[in-house]
N, C-alpha and C. Protein backbone atom coordinates (compact mmCIF):
# COMPACT_ATOMS: atom_id res chain seq x y z
N UNK A 1 0.04 -10.32 -11.55
CA UNK A 1 -1.23 -9.79 -11.08
C UNK A 1 -1.16 -8.28 -10.89
N UNK A 2 0.05 -7.78 -10.75
CA UNK A 2 0.18 -6.36 -10.48
C UNK A 2 0.04 -5.56 -11.75
N UNK A 3 -0.70 -4.46 -11.67
CA UNK A 3 -0.82 -3.59 -12.83
C UNK A 3 0.12 -2.41 -12.64
N UNK A 4 0.26 -1.61 -13.67
CA UNK A 4 1.15 -0.47 -13.60
C UNK A 4 0.75 0.44 -12.45
N UNK A 5 1.72 0.86 -11.66
CA UNK A 5 1.45 1.63 -10.46
C UNK A 5 0.88 3.01 -10.79
N UNK A 6 -0.14 3.41 -10.02
CA UNK A 6 -0.66 4.76 -10.14
C UNK A 6 -0.02 5.58 -9.03
N UNK A 7 0.99 6.35 -9.38
CA UNK A 7 1.73 7.09 -8.36
C UNK A 7 1.03 8.38 -7.97
N UNK A 8 0.13 8.87 -8.81
CA UNK A 8 -0.62 10.08 -8.49
C UNK A 8 -2.08 9.83 -8.79
N UNK A 9 -2.95 10.14 -7.83
CA UNK A 9 -4.38 9.99 -8.04
C UNK A 9 -5.04 11.36 -7.93
N UNK A 10 -6.06 11.56 -8.72
CA UNK A 10 -6.82 12.79 -8.61
C UNK A 10 -7.74 12.69 -7.40
N UNK A 11 -7.89 13.80 -6.67
CA UNK A 11 -8.65 13.76 -5.43
C UNK A 11 -10.04 14.37 -5.54
N UNK A 12 -10.36 15.01 -6.64
CA UNK A 12 -11.67 15.63 -6.75
C UNK A 12 -12.65 14.69 -7.41
N UNK A 13 -13.93 14.82 -7.05
CA UNK A 13 -14.95 13.94 -7.62
C UNK A 13 -15.06 14.14 -9.13
N UNK A 14 -14.85 15.35 -9.60
CA UNK A 14 -15.00 15.62 -11.02
C UNK A 14 -13.93 14.93 -11.84
N UNK A 15 -12.77 14.61 -11.22
CA UNK A 15 -11.69 13.96 -11.95
C UNK A 15 -11.63 12.48 -11.65
N UNK A 16 -12.62 11.96 -10.94
CA UNK A 16 -12.59 10.55 -10.55
C UNK A 16 -12.87 9.64 -11.74
N UNK A 17 -13.43 10.17 -12.83
CA UNK A 17 -13.61 9.39 -14.05
C UNK A 17 -12.28 9.36 -14.79
N UNK A 18 -11.81 8.16 -15.16
CA UNK A 18 -10.55 8.07 -15.87
C UNK A 18 -10.78 7.71 -17.33
N UNK A 19 -9.64 7.44 -18.01
CA UNK A 19 -9.73 7.21 -19.45
C UNK A 19 -10.53 5.96 -19.78
N UNK A 20 -10.68 5.03 -18.82
CA UNK A 20 -11.45 3.82 -19.08
C UNK A 20 -12.93 4.03 -18.86
N UNK A 21 -13.32 5.23 -18.48
CA UNK A 21 -14.73 5.53 -18.29
C UNK A 21 -15.23 5.21 -16.90
N UNK A 22 -14.33 4.97 -15.94
CA UNK A 22 -14.74 4.67 -14.58
C UNK A 22 -15.23 5.94 -13.90
N UNK A 23 -16.52 6.00 -13.58
CA UNK A 23 -17.09 7.11 -12.82
C UNK A 23 -17.18 6.64 -11.38
N UNK A 24 -16.09 6.87 -10.64
CA UNK A 24 -15.99 6.28 -9.30
C UNK A 24 -17.07 6.74 -8.34
N UNK A 25 -17.37 8.05 -8.25
CA UNK A 25 -18.43 8.46 -7.31
C UNK A 25 -19.77 7.80 -7.60
N UNK A 26 -20.12 7.70 -8.88
CA UNK A 26 -21.40 7.06 -9.23
C UNK A 26 -21.38 5.58 -8.90
N UNK A 27 -20.26 4.91 -9.22
CA UNK A 27 -20.16 3.49 -8.93
C UNK A 27 -20.22 3.21 -7.43
N UNK A 28 -19.56 4.06 -6.65
CA UNK A 28 -19.59 3.90 -5.20
C UNK A 28 -21.02 4.04 -4.68
N UNK A 29 -21.74 5.05 -5.17
CA UNK A 29 -23.12 5.27 -4.74
C UNK A 29 -24.00 4.08 -5.11
N UNK A 30 -23.82 3.56 -6.33
CA UNK A 30 -24.62 2.41 -6.75
C UNK A 30 -24.27 1.16 -5.95
N UNK A 31 -22.96 0.95 -5.74
CA UNK A 31 -22.53 -0.24 -4.99
C UNK A 31 -23.01 -0.17 -3.55
N UNK A 32 -23.03 1.04 -2.98
CA UNK A 32 -23.52 1.20 -1.61
C UNK A 32 -24.99 0.82 -1.50
N UNK A 33 -25.71 0.93 -2.62
CA UNK A 33 -27.12 0.55 -2.65
C UNK A 33 -27.34 -0.91 -2.99
N UNK A 34 -26.25 -1.68 -3.10
CA UNK A 34 -26.37 -3.12 -3.35
C UNK A 34 -26.21 -3.53 -4.80
N UNK A 35 -25.75 -2.61 -5.65
CA UNK A 35 -25.57 -2.92 -7.07
C UNK A 35 -24.30 -3.75 -7.25
N UNK A 36 -24.47 -5.05 -7.50
CA UNK A 36 -23.33 -5.95 -7.63
C UNK A 36 -22.41 -5.63 -8.79
N UNK A 37 -22.93 -5.39 -10.00
CA UNK A 37 -22.05 -5.05 -11.12
C UNK A 37 -21.23 -3.79 -10.86
N UNK A 38 -21.81 -2.80 -10.20
CA UNK A 38 -21.06 -1.57 -9.89
C UNK A 38 -19.91 -1.90 -8.96
N UNK A 39 -20.18 -2.71 -7.95
CA UNK A 39 -19.10 -3.09 -7.04
C UNK A 39 -18.05 -3.93 -7.77
N UNK A 40 -18.49 -4.74 -8.72
CA UNK A 40 -17.56 -5.54 -9.50
C UNK A 40 -16.58 -4.69 -10.26
N UNK A 41 -17.04 -3.56 -10.80
CA UNK A 41 -16.13 -2.66 -11.53
C UNK A 41 -15.13 -2.01 -10.57
N UNK A 42 -15.60 -1.65 -9.37
CA UNK A 42 -14.69 -1.09 -8.37
C UNK A 42 -13.66 -2.15 -7.95
N UNK A 43 -14.13 -3.37 -7.80
CA UNK A 43 -13.23 -4.47 -7.44
C UNK A 43 -12.12 -4.63 -8.48
N UNK A 44 -12.50 -4.67 -9.75
CA UNK A 44 -11.51 -4.85 -10.80
C UNK A 44 -10.54 -3.67 -10.86
N UNK A 45 -11.03 -2.49 -10.51
CA UNK A 45 -10.18 -1.30 -10.55
C UNK A 45 -9.14 -1.30 -9.44
N UNK A 46 -9.48 -1.83 -8.28
CA UNK A 46 -8.63 -1.71 -7.10
C UNK A 46 -7.99 -3.02 -6.63
N UNK A 47 -8.41 -4.16 -7.15
CA UNK A 47 -7.94 -5.42 -6.57
C UNK A 47 -6.43 -5.59 -6.65
N UNK A 48 -5.81 -5.17 -7.74
CA UNK A 48 -4.36 -5.33 -7.86
C UNK A 48 -3.62 -4.48 -6.83
N UNK A 49 -4.11 -3.26 -6.60
CA UNK A 49 -3.47 -2.38 -5.63
C UNK A 49 -3.60 -2.92 -4.21
N UNK A 50 -4.78 -3.42 -3.88
CA UNK A 50 -5.00 -3.98 -2.54
C UNK A 50 -4.13 -5.22 -2.36
N UNK A 51 -4.10 -6.08 -3.38
CA UNK A 51 -3.27 -7.28 -3.31
C UNK A 51 -1.80 -6.92 -3.15
N UNK A 52 -1.32 -5.94 -3.91
CA UNK A 52 0.09 -5.56 -3.84
C UNK A 52 0.44 -5.06 -2.45
N UNK A 53 -0.45 -4.26 -1.86
CA UNK A 53 -0.22 -3.76 -0.50
C UNK A 53 -0.12 -4.93 0.48
N UNK A 54 -1.07 -5.85 0.42
CA UNK A 54 -1.10 -6.97 1.37
C UNK A 54 0.08 -7.90 1.13
N UNK A 55 0.42 -8.15 -0.13
CA UNK A 55 1.56 -9.02 -0.44
C UNK A 55 2.85 -8.47 0.15
N UNK A 56 3.02 -7.16 0.08
CA UNK A 56 4.22 -6.55 0.66
C UNK A 56 4.22 -6.65 2.19
N UNK A 57 3.03 -6.73 2.78
CA UNK A 57 2.95 -6.82 4.25
C UNK A 57 3.11 -8.26 4.75
N UNK A 58 2.58 -9.24 4.04
CA UNK A 58 2.60 -10.62 4.56
C UNK A 58 3.61 -11.50 3.83
N UNK A 59 4.04 -11.09 2.63
CA UNK A 59 5.06 -11.80 1.86
C UNK A 59 4.70 -13.27 1.63
N UNK A 60 3.43 -13.49 1.30
CA UNK A 60 2.95 -14.83 0.98
C UNK A 60 1.80 -14.65 -0.01
N UNK A 61 2.00 -15.11 -1.25
CA UNK A 61 1.03 -14.79 -2.30
C UNK A 61 -0.33 -15.44 -2.05
N UNK A 62 -0.34 -16.69 -1.59
CA UNK A 62 -1.61 -17.37 -1.34
C UNK A 62 -2.38 -16.68 -0.21
N UNK A 63 -1.68 -16.36 0.87
CA UNK A 63 -2.31 -15.66 1.98
C UNK A 63 -2.78 -14.28 1.55
N UNK A 64 -1.97 -13.59 0.74
CA UNK A 64 -2.36 -12.26 0.27
C UNK A 64 -3.64 -12.31 -0.55
N UNK A 65 -3.80 -13.35 -1.36
CA UNK A 65 -5.03 -13.49 -2.15
C UNK A 65 -6.24 -13.68 -1.24
N UNK A 66 -6.08 -14.51 -0.20
CA UNK A 66 -7.19 -14.75 0.73
C UNK A 66 -7.56 -13.48 1.48
N UNK A 67 -6.56 -12.76 1.97
CA UNK A 67 -6.82 -11.54 2.72
C UNK A 67 -7.41 -10.46 1.83
N UNK A 68 -6.98 -10.42 0.56
CA UNK A 68 -7.54 -9.45 -0.38
C UNK A 68 -9.03 -9.68 -0.56
N UNK A 69 -9.43 -10.94 -0.67
CA UNK A 69 -10.85 -11.23 -0.81
C UNK A 69 -11.62 -10.80 0.44
N UNK A 70 -11.01 -11.03 1.60
CA UNK A 70 -11.65 -10.59 2.85
C UNK A 70 -11.86 -9.08 2.85
N UNK A 71 -10.87 -8.35 2.35
CA UNK A 71 -10.96 -6.89 2.32
C UNK A 71 -12.17 -6.45 1.51
N UNK A 72 -12.38 -7.07 0.35
CA UNK A 72 -13.48 -6.63 -0.50
C UNK A 72 -14.83 -7.10 0.03
N UNK A 73 -14.86 -8.22 0.73
CA UNK A 73 -16.10 -8.61 1.40
C UNK A 73 -16.46 -7.57 2.47
N UNK A 74 -15.47 -7.18 3.26
CA UNK A 74 -15.71 -6.17 4.30
C UNK A 74 -16.07 -4.82 3.68
N UNK A 75 -15.44 -4.50 2.55
CA UNK A 75 -15.74 -3.23 1.89
C UNK A 75 -17.18 -3.21 1.38
N UNK A 76 -17.61 -4.30 0.78
CA UNK A 76 -18.98 -4.36 0.27
C UNK A 76 -19.99 -4.18 1.42
N UNK A 77 -19.70 -4.81 2.54
CA UNK A 77 -20.59 -4.69 3.70
C UNK A 77 -20.56 -3.28 4.29
N UNK A 78 -19.41 -2.62 4.20
CA UNK A 78 -19.28 -1.31 4.82
C UNK A 78 -19.63 -0.13 3.94
N UNK A 79 -19.79 -0.36 2.63
CA UNK A 79 -20.04 0.75 1.71
C UNK A 79 -21.26 1.61 2.07
N UNK A 80 -22.35 1.05 2.59
CA UNK A 80 -23.48 1.92 2.93
C UNK A 80 -23.13 3.00 3.96
N UNK A 81 -22.05 2.78 4.72
CA UNK A 81 -21.63 3.76 5.72
C UNK A 81 -20.49 4.64 5.23
N UNK A 82 -20.00 4.37 4.02
CA UNK A 82 -18.86 5.11 3.49
C UNK A 82 -19.29 6.51 3.06
N UNK A 83 -18.47 7.51 3.41
CA UNK A 83 -18.72 8.90 3.00
C UNK A 83 -17.66 9.31 1.99
N UNK A 84 -18.11 9.65 0.80
CA UNK A 84 -17.19 10.01 -0.29
C UNK A 84 -16.37 11.24 0.07
N UNK A 85 -15.03 11.10 -0.09
CA UNK A 85 -14.12 12.22 0.18
C UNK A 85 -13.09 12.36 -0.92
N UNK A 86 -13.47 12.00 -2.13
CA UNK A 86 -12.58 12.20 -3.27
C UNK A 86 -11.99 10.96 -3.87
N UNK A 87 -11.94 9.86 -3.11
CA UNK A 87 -11.40 8.61 -3.62
C UNK A 87 -11.77 7.48 -2.68
N UNK A 88 -11.95 6.31 -3.25
CA UNK A 88 -12.23 5.13 -2.44
C UNK A 88 -10.94 4.52 -1.88
N UNK A 89 -9.80 4.84 -2.49
CA UNK A 89 -8.54 4.17 -2.18
C UNK A 89 -8.13 4.23 -0.71
N UNK A 90 -8.08 5.41 -0.07
CA UNK A 90 -7.64 5.42 1.33
C UNK A 90 -8.52 4.58 2.25
N UNK A 91 -9.83 4.61 2.02
CA UNK A 91 -10.75 3.82 2.83
C UNK A 91 -10.49 2.33 2.64
N UNK A 92 -10.30 1.90 1.39
CA UNK A 92 -10.00 0.49 1.12
C UNK A 92 -8.70 0.06 1.79
N UNK A 93 -7.69 0.93 1.74
CA UNK A 93 -6.40 0.57 2.30
C UNK A 93 -6.44 0.53 3.83
N UNK A 94 -7.32 1.34 4.43
CA UNK A 94 -7.49 1.22 5.89
C UNK A 94 -8.09 -0.14 6.23
N UNK A 95 -9.05 -0.59 5.43
CA UNK A 95 -9.62 -1.92 5.64
C UNK A 95 -8.54 -2.98 5.47
N UNK A 96 -7.71 -2.82 4.44
CA UNK A 96 -6.62 -3.78 4.20
C UNK A 96 -5.64 -3.77 5.37
N UNK A 97 -5.28 -2.59 5.83
CA UNK A 97 -4.36 -2.49 6.98
C UNK A 97 -4.93 -3.21 8.20
N UNK A 98 -6.20 -2.98 8.47
CA UNK A 98 -6.82 -3.62 9.64
C UNK A 98 -6.88 -5.13 9.47
N UNK A 99 -7.12 -5.60 8.25
CA UNK A 99 -7.20 -7.05 8.03
C UNK A 99 -5.83 -7.69 8.23
N UNK A 100 -4.78 -7.04 7.76
CA UNK A 100 -3.43 -7.56 7.97
C UNK A 100 -3.09 -7.57 9.47
N UNK A 101 -3.43 -6.48 10.15
CA UNK A 101 -3.15 -6.41 11.60
C UNK A 101 -3.89 -7.51 12.34
N UNK A 102 -5.13 -7.77 11.96
CA UNK A 102 -5.91 -8.84 12.60
C UNK A 102 -5.29 -10.20 12.33
N UNK A 103 -4.76 -10.36 11.12
CA UNK A 103 -4.11 -11.63 10.78
C UNK A 103 -2.92 -11.89 11.69
N UNK A 104 -2.05 -10.86 11.84
CA UNK A 104 -0.87 -11.06 12.69
C UNK A 104 -1.27 -11.30 14.14
N UNK A 105 -2.32 -10.60 14.60
CA UNK A 105 -2.77 -10.83 15.98
C UNK A 105 -3.27 -12.26 16.16
N UNK A 106 -4.02 -12.76 15.16
CA UNK A 106 -4.55 -14.12 15.27
C UNK A 106 -3.44 -15.16 15.26
N UNK A 107 -2.30 -14.83 14.61
CA UNK A 107 -1.17 -15.75 14.58
C UNK A 107 -0.31 -15.63 15.82
N UNK A 108 -0.55 -14.59 16.62
CA UNK A 108 0.21 -14.39 17.84
C UNK A 108 1.64 -13.98 17.60
N UNK A 109 1.90 -13.40 16.41
CA UNK A 109 3.27 -12.98 16.12
C UNK A 109 3.23 -11.86 15.10
N UNK A 110 4.40 -11.22 14.92
CA UNK A 110 4.58 -10.20 13.91
C UNK A 110 5.91 -10.45 13.21
N UNK A 111 6.13 -9.88 12.02
CA UNK A 111 7.40 -10.10 11.33
C UNK A 111 8.57 -9.58 12.16
N UNK A 112 9.74 -10.18 11.97
CA UNK A 112 10.94 -9.69 12.65
C UNK A 112 11.23 -8.27 12.23
N UNK A 113 11.65 -7.45 13.19
CA UNK A 113 11.92 -6.04 12.92
C UNK A 113 13.30 -5.68 13.44
N UNK A 114 13.89 -4.67 12.84
CA UNK A 114 15.11 -4.11 13.38
C UNK A 114 14.92 -2.61 13.47
N UNK A 115 15.63 -1.99 14.39
CA UNK A 115 15.49 -0.55 14.59
C UNK A 115 16.32 0.19 13.55
N UNK A 116 15.71 1.18 12.93
CA UNK A 116 16.40 2.08 12.01
C UNK A 116 16.24 3.49 12.56
N UNK A 117 16.83 4.52 11.94
CA UNK A 117 16.76 5.87 12.49
C UNK A 117 15.34 6.29 12.81
N UNK A 118 15.20 7.04 13.89
CA UNK A 118 13.88 7.50 14.33
C UNK A 118 13.23 8.37 13.26
N UNK A 119 11.91 8.29 13.16
CA UNK A 119 11.16 9.06 12.17
C UNK A 119 10.69 10.36 12.80
N UNK A 120 11.26 11.46 12.36
CA UNK A 120 10.93 12.77 12.90
C UNK A 120 9.91 13.44 11.99
N UNK A 121 8.66 13.63 12.44
CA UNK A 121 7.62 14.19 11.56
C UNK A 121 7.89 15.62 11.16
N UNK A 122 8.80 16.30 11.84
CA UNK A 122 9.09 17.70 11.52
C UNK A 122 10.33 17.84 10.65
N UNK A 123 10.81 16.73 10.11
CA UNK A 123 12.03 16.75 9.31
C UNK A 123 11.74 16.29 7.90
N UNK A 124 11.20 17.19 7.05
CA UNK A 124 10.88 16.80 5.68
C UNK A 124 12.13 16.41 4.91
N UNK A 125 12.02 15.34 4.16
CA UNK A 125 13.17 14.83 3.42
C UNK A 125 13.11 15.27 1.96
N UNK A 126 14.26 15.23 1.26
CA UNK A 126 14.27 15.61 -0.15
C UNK A 126 13.57 14.57 -1.00
N UNK A 127 13.45 14.87 -2.29
CA UNK A 127 12.85 13.94 -3.23
C UNK A 127 13.71 12.68 -3.33
N UNK A 128 13.16 11.63 -3.93
CA UNK A 128 13.88 10.37 -4.05
C UNK A 128 15.18 10.56 -4.82
N UNK A 129 16.24 9.92 -4.33
CA UNK A 129 17.49 9.90 -5.06
C UNK A 129 17.38 8.92 -6.22
N UNK A 130 18.40 8.92 -7.07
CA UNK A 130 18.38 7.99 -8.20
C UNK A 130 18.35 6.55 -7.70
N UNK A 131 19.12 6.24 -6.64
CA UNK A 131 19.11 4.90 -6.08
C UNK A 131 17.74 4.55 -5.53
N UNK A 132 17.11 5.51 -4.84
CA UNK A 132 15.79 5.26 -4.29
C UNK A 132 14.78 4.99 -5.39
N UNK A 133 14.88 5.70 -6.51
CA UNK A 133 13.96 5.48 -7.62
C UNK A 133 14.14 4.08 -8.19
N UNK A 134 15.38 3.61 -8.22
CA UNK A 134 15.62 2.26 -8.72
C UNK A 134 15.01 1.22 -7.78
N UNK A 135 15.13 1.45 -6.47
CA UNK A 135 14.53 0.53 -5.50
C UNK A 135 13.02 0.56 -5.62
N UNK A 136 12.46 1.77 -5.77
CA UNK A 136 11.02 1.90 -5.91
C UNK A 136 10.54 1.15 -7.16
N UNK A 137 11.30 1.25 -8.24
CA UNK A 137 10.93 0.53 -9.46
C UNK A 137 11.01 -0.98 -9.24
N UNK A 138 12.03 -1.42 -8.49
CA UNK A 138 12.15 -2.83 -8.17
C UNK A 138 10.95 -3.33 -7.38
N UNK A 139 10.52 -2.54 -6.42
CA UNK A 139 9.35 -2.91 -5.62
C UNK A 139 8.11 -3.03 -6.49
N UNK A 140 7.98 -2.12 -7.45
CA UNK A 140 6.80 -2.13 -8.30
C UNK A 140 6.78 -3.27 -9.30
N UNK A 141 7.95 -3.79 -9.66
CA UNK A 141 8.01 -4.78 -10.73
C UNK A 141 8.23 -6.21 -10.22
N UNK A 142 8.91 -6.36 -9.07
CA UNK A 142 9.27 -7.71 -8.60
C UNK A 142 8.94 -7.86 -7.13
N UNK A 143 7.66 -7.68 -6.81
CA UNK A 143 7.24 -7.76 -5.42
C UNK A 143 7.61 -9.09 -4.80
N UNK A 144 7.61 -10.15 -5.58
CA UNK A 144 7.87 -11.47 -5.03
C UNK A 144 9.34 -11.84 -4.96
N UNK A 145 10.25 -10.96 -5.41
CA UNK A 145 11.66 -11.29 -5.42
C UNK A 145 12.15 -11.58 -4.00
N UNK A 146 12.87 -12.68 -3.84
CA UNK A 146 13.27 -13.14 -2.50
C UNK A 146 14.13 -12.11 -1.79
N UNK A 147 15.07 -11.49 -2.52
CA UNK A 147 15.97 -10.54 -1.87
C UNK A 147 15.23 -9.29 -1.38
N UNK A 148 14.22 -8.87 -2.15
CA UNK A 148 13.43 -7.72 -1.73
C UNK A 148 12.57 -8.08 -0.52
N UNK A 149 12.00 -9.27 -0.54
CA UNK A 149 11.18 -9.71 0.59
C UNK A 149 12.00 -9.77 1.87
N UNK A 150 13.23 -10.29 1.78
CA UNK A 150 14.08 -10.36 2.97
C UNK A 150 14.41 -8.96 3.47
N UNK A 151 14.69 -8.05 2.54
CA UNK A 151 15.01 -6.68 2.94
C UNK A 151 13.81 -6.01 3.61
N UNK A 152 12.64 -6.21 3.03
CA UNK A 152 11.43 -5.62 3.61
C UNK A 152 11.17 -6.14 5.02
N UNK A 153 11.47 -7.41 5.26
CA UNK A 153 11.18 -8.01 6.55
C UNK A 153 12.01 -7.41 7.67
N UNK A 154 13.08 -6.68 7.32
CA UNK A 154 13.95 -6.08 8.32
C UNK A 154 13.59 -4.65 8.65
N UNK A 155 12.56 -4.11 8.01
CA UNK A 155 12.14 -2.75 8.30
C UNK A 155 11.20 -2.73 9.50
N UNK A 156 11.00 -1.54 10.07
CA UNK A 156 10.03 -1.40 11.14
C UNK A 156 8.62 -1.56 10.58
N UNK A 157 7.66 -1.78 11.45
CA UNK A 157 6.27 -1.96 11.03
C UNK A 157 5.78 -0.75 10.24
N UNK A 158 6.04 0.46 10.73
CA UNK A 158 5.57 1.67 10.04
C UNK A 158 6.25 1.82 8.69
N UNK A 159 7.53 1.50 8.61
CA UNK A 159 8.24 1.61 7.34
C UNK A 159 7.72 0.59 6.33
N UNK A 160 7.42 -0.62 6.77
CA UNK A 160 6.81 -1.59 5.87
C UNK A 160 5.47 -1.09 5.36
N UNK A 161 4.72 -0.46 6.24
CA UNK A 161 3.39 0.01 5.84
C UNK A 161 3.49 1.12 4.81
N UNK A 162 4.40 2.08 5.03
CA UNK A 162 4.49 3.19 4.08
C UNK A 162 5.01 2.72 2.73
N UNK A 163 5.93 1.75 2.71
CA UNK A 163 6.41 1.19 1.45
C UNK A 163 5.27 0.48 0.72
N UNK A 164 4.48 -0.29 1.47
CA UNK A 164 3.38 -1.03 0.86
C UNK A 164 2.33 -0.09 0.28
N UNK A 165 2.03 0.99 1.00
CA UNK A 165 1.02 1.94 0.52
C UNK A 165 1.53 2.76 -0.66
N UNK A 166 2.78 3.24 -0.58
CA UNK A 166 3.29 4.11 -1.62
C UNK A 166 3.65 3.34 -2.90
N UNK A 167 4.35 2.20 -2.75
CA UNK A 167 4.88 1.51 -3.93
C UNK A 167 4.13 0.23 -4.24
N UNK A 168 3.37 -0.30 -3.28
CA UNK A 168 2.53 -1.45 -3.56
C UNK A 168 1.17 -1.01 -4.07
N UNK A 169 0.47 -0.22 -3.26
CA UNK A 169 -0.86 0.24 -3.63
C UNK A 169 -0.81 1.46 -4.54
N UNK A 170 0.32 2.14 -4.62
CA UNK A 170 0.44 3.30 -5.50
C UNK A 170 -0.28 4.53 -5.00
N UNK A 171 -0.47 4.66 -3.68
CA UNK A 171 -1.15 5.84 -3.14
C UNK A 171 -0.25 7.06 -3.20
N UNK A 172 -0.86 8.22 -3.26
CA UNK A 172 -0.13 9.47 -3.20
C UNK A 172 0.32 9.72 -1.77
N UNK A 173 1.19 10.71 -1.57
CA UNK A 173 1.61 11.08 -0.22
C UNK A 173 0.40 11.47 0.63
N UNK A 174 -0.51 12.24 0.05
CA UNK A 174 -1.68 12.69 0.79
C UNK A 174 -2.56 11.51 1.20
N UNK A 175 -2.79 10.59 0.28
CA UNK A 175 -3.62 9.43 0.59
C UNK A 175 -2.95 8.54 1.63
N UNK A 176 -1.63 8.38 1.50
CA UNK A 176 -0.90 7.57 2.48
C UNK A 176 -0.98 8.21 3.86
N UNK A 177 -0.84 9.53 3.92
CA UNK A 177 -0.96 10.24 5.19
C UNK A 177 -2.35 10.05 5.79
N UNK A 178 -3.36 10.03 4.93
CA UNK A 178 -4.73 9.82 5.39
C UNK A 178 -4.89 8.44 6.00
N UNK A 179 -4.40 7.42 5.29
CA UNK A 179 -4.53 6.04 5.77
C UNK A 179 -3.78 5.86 7.09
N UNK A 180 -2.56 6.41 7.19
CA UNK A 180 -1.72 6.19 8.36
C UNK A 180 -1.96 7.22 9.46
N UNK A 181 -2.83 8.21 9.15
CA UNK A 181 -3.19 9.26 10.12
C UNK A 181 -1.94 9.99 10.61
N UNK A 182 -1.13 10.44 9.64
CA UNK A 182 0.09 11.20 9.91
C UNK A 182 0.17 12.36 8.93
N UNK A 183 1.08 13.28 9.19
CA UNK A 183 1.25 14.40 8.28
C UNK A 183 2.01 13.95 7.04
N UNK A 184 1.91 14.75 5.97
CA UNK A 184 2.65 14.41 4.76
C UNK A 184 4.16 14.43 5.00
N UNK A 185 4.64 15.39 5.84
CA UNK A 185 6.06 15.42 6.16
C UNK A 185 6.49 14.15 6.88
N UNK A 186 5.65 13.65 7.77
CA UNK A 186 5.97 12.41 8.47
C UNK A 186 6.06 11.25 7.50
N UNK A 187 5.14 11.23 6.51
CA UNK A 187 5.17 10.16 5.51
C UNK A 187 6.43 10.26 4.66
N UNK A 188 6.81 11.48 4.26
CA UNK A 188 8.04 11.65 3.50
C UNK A 188 9.24 11.13 4.28
N UNK A 189 9.25 11.41 5.57
CA UNK A 189 10.37 10.99 6.40
C UNK A 189 10.39 9.47 6.57
N UNK A 190 9.22 8.89 6.81
CA UNK A 190 9.13 7.43 6.91
C UNK A 190 9.59 6.77 5.61
N UNK A 191 9.14 7.33 4.48
CA UNK A 191 9.52 6.78 3.19
C UNK A 191 11.03 6.87 2.99
N UNK A 192 11.60 8.01 3.34
CA UNK A 192 13.05 8.19 3.20
C UNK A 192 13.80 7.14 4.01
N UNK A 193 13.45 7.00 5.29
CA UNK A 193 14.14 6.05 6.15
C UNK A 193 13.92 4.61 5.69
N UNK A 194 12.70 4.32 5.18
CA UNK A 194 12.41 2.97 4.70
C UNK A 194 13.28 2.64 3.49
N UNK A 195 13.43 3.58 2.57
CA UNK A 195 14.24 3.33 1.38
C UNK A 195 15.72 3.24 1.73
N UNK A 196 16.16 4.05 2.71
CA UNK A 196 17.54 3.93 3.20
C UNK A 196 17.76 2.53 3.76
N UNK A 197 16.80 2.07 4.57
CA UNK A 197 16.89 0.74 5.15
C UNK A 197 16.89 -0.36 4.09
N UNK A 198 16.03 -0.22 3.09
CA UNK A 198 15.99 -1.21 2.02
C UNK A 198 17.31 -1.25 1.26
N UNK A 199 17.83 -0.07 0.94
CA UNK A 199 19.09 -0.01 0.21
C UNK A 199 20.20 -0.68 1.01
N UNK A 200 20.22 -0.41 2.32
CA UNK A 200 21.23 -1.01 3.19
C UNK A 200 21.10 -2.53 3.21
N UNK A 201 19.88 -3.02 3.37
CA UNK A 201 19.66 -4.46 3.45
C UNK A 201 19.97 -5.16 2.13
N UNK A 202 19.63 -4.51 1.01
CA UNK A 202 19.92 -5.11 -0.29
C UNK A 202 21.42 -5.20 -0.53
N UNK A 203 22.17 -4.18 -0.06
CA UNK A 203 23.62 -4.22 -0.22
C UNK A 203 24.23 -5.30 0.65
N UNK A 204 23.70 -5.47 1.85
CA UNK A 204 24.16 -6.55 2.73
C UNK A 204 23.92 -7.89 2.05
N UNK A 205 22.73 -8.04 1.43
CA UNK A 205 22.41 -9.28 0.74
C UNK A 205 23.36 -9.55 -0.42
N UNK A 206 23.71 -8.49 -1.15
CA UNK A 206 24.65 -8.65 -2.27
C UNK A 206 26.02 -9.13 -1.77
N UNK A 207 26.46 -8.56 -0.63
CA UNK A 207 27.75 -8.96 -0.07
C UNK A 207 27.71 -10.42 0.38
N UNK A 208 26.57 -10.84 0.97
CA UNK A 208 26.45 -12.22 1.43
C UNK A 208 26.48 -13.21 0.26
N UNK A 209 25.81 -12.82 -0.84
CA UNK A 209 25.80 -13.69 -2.02
C UNK A 209 27.19 -13.79 -2.63
N UNK A 210 27.92 -12.67 -2.62
CA UNK A 210 29.25 -12.65 -3.23
C UNK A 210 30.33 -13.23 -2.35
N UNK A 211 30.02 -13.47 -1.08
CA UNK A 211 31.04 -13.98 -0.15
C UNK A 211 31.41 -15.43 -0.46
């Protein structure tokens, strides 16, 4: 169900039309006025990214499908109040984040977490290492892999969220910062610590399998 990740999105309205002819600002305006086909095109454009984000957060494909549908129902209802700011993606992902949070609250529980190094928003991290790029590629290609799911479950809530937004939904650093209401440096740091944690957990898993 996952499509090729969009790691960089254009933020200006003039560049919102892509090679497939999607004129996002126009479609958003039409959908906000109740145009079903226009909303359908937006749905098809974003559904895989929303699903990938939710799947990484809940680690259950059937539940992720149900929650994804809820997100788009809420989005359709909320579009008349939406104010265009260059992309629909951050707004959609905020709806997805809230829906996942509501799900965990309704269940009266949250995924198991372990503490990893503190996230310092004033400590910008370097670009991804070669190992980190391999992990990022793994996340993009095998979201359902059991070993990756187990590793993800051991991250902090914020680290799971940044991984899901960056490598599940394919948001840019700026868009992720917008959704999480943090600075870009804070997002870089969260991403760095999350990938360090994933690498550590995956290596632990390899040792357990080989034992």
